[in-house]
Amino acid sequence: MPSPSTASVDGLRALLREPEALNRLEKATVLVAVAIGIVAGVVVTIVGGTDDLGASLFEIAVTAAFVLFLWSPFAATLLLGAALTISFFFGLADVTLLAFAIAAGCVTRTGSAALVISYASVLVVAAAAIGQDAATTPGIVAGYVLVAAALGGVGLALRAAYARGRRLDEALAEAADREHEAIVADRRRIAGDLHDSIAHDLTVIALHSQLLDEADASLRRASEETIRRTALDALRDLRHVIETESDAFAPSSPSQDSLWTTLEEARRILKSVGHDVTVTVPDSRTLLRPDIDLALARMLRESVTNVLKHGGRGRVDLAFDARQDQVTLVVRSSLAGARRRVLPSGGTGLARMRQRVLDLGGHFDAGPQDGAWRLAIHIPLGALAPKKR
């Protein structure tokens, strides 16, 4: 584990890795301060009747150089360093050193690590050189250095505060993005649950409602019973979805979606509309993993829905097989020569089934084959526990 001093140095390096620009408020503050300094210098030069006009103009120019921090910290620091060097030849080093020390706040607030180090080095060398002058009081030079240290600390503190603010803004933005993605995912999941649970039942109801006008008395009664039973199933499934998605309630009953009950339901529904149905299953009922059981049940219901919507009247084969390494579900139905039923179709069923199988690491195949529509699902799994009938 790094020591606190090492961590502090690393944090300082990270903070000064790249130069930064002043924000709008800081720019306004620098402009106001420079304007006040220039106006004060001009007033003193005019009113005070200075003996050295060149020195006064030089001091005003040094003050104006601070404006460069608004655009280029490097150029501003370089210009101030050059002014400090020139000041030694005109006996203005002590006054220029004060301006250079005041610049510490801007340098540490905006400069990179290399610029800050270069600035500090020039400041120390210039202070030492000025301190050698017998006409200069050492205490004044030390005071300038302390001013530079204090303002440099203020600049670093401001820089760290803004860096924390940016990190917080980025974290809040990332959290908002994650929340939005979670909301979208929840909406998609709820829409998928409603599609899987309700669309099949509504398709059966819509189909049998159309058959009411075509059927004889016995078939009409069968369709009415199917509509009644399917409507109750739809209400039960809708209640289950609502209770599952609500934090205030626990589901009053478990989901009725299981492969074995869905196979029986599929046989009954397909026969009720005139299909010749064959169901092939293993001799022993297999206890499937819950997620695979639910997935197969919902995909079988979707397959039956597609047969009702798009399949031709004729034979439908439902085959399920379970082995030690995988389970297989195959649905084969006749192709329709012409569409006879007016049933809405969103075209999302096959895509949802394919994605569900891929999520389970399986293989999905659907399409016309030998004059029929064949859908095959293969899902790998571990050891299965047999459950006797």
Foldseek 3Di string as FASTA:
>chain_A
DDDPVVVVVVVLQVLQVAFDADDPVVLVVLVVVLVVVLVVLVCCCVVVVDPDPPVSVLLNVLSVLSNCLNPDLVSSLVVLLVSLVVCVVVVCNLVSLLSLLQCLLSCLQGHHPVSNVVSVVSSVVSLVVVCVDPVDDNVSSVVSNVSSVVSNVVSNVVSVVVVVVVVVVVVVVVVVVVVVVVVVVVVVVLVVLLCLQAVLLVLLLQLLVVCCVVDDPVLNVVSVVSNVVSVVSNVLSVQQSVQVPDPVHHRPDDDPQFQVVLVVVLVVSLVSVQEAEAEAEDQFAWDDDVLVRNLNSSLSSLVSSCCSFFFAHYYWYWYWYDDQWKIKTKIKTAGHPDGDGPDDDPPCSVVVSCVSLVVQVWDWDWDDDPRITMTMIIGTDHGIDTDGD
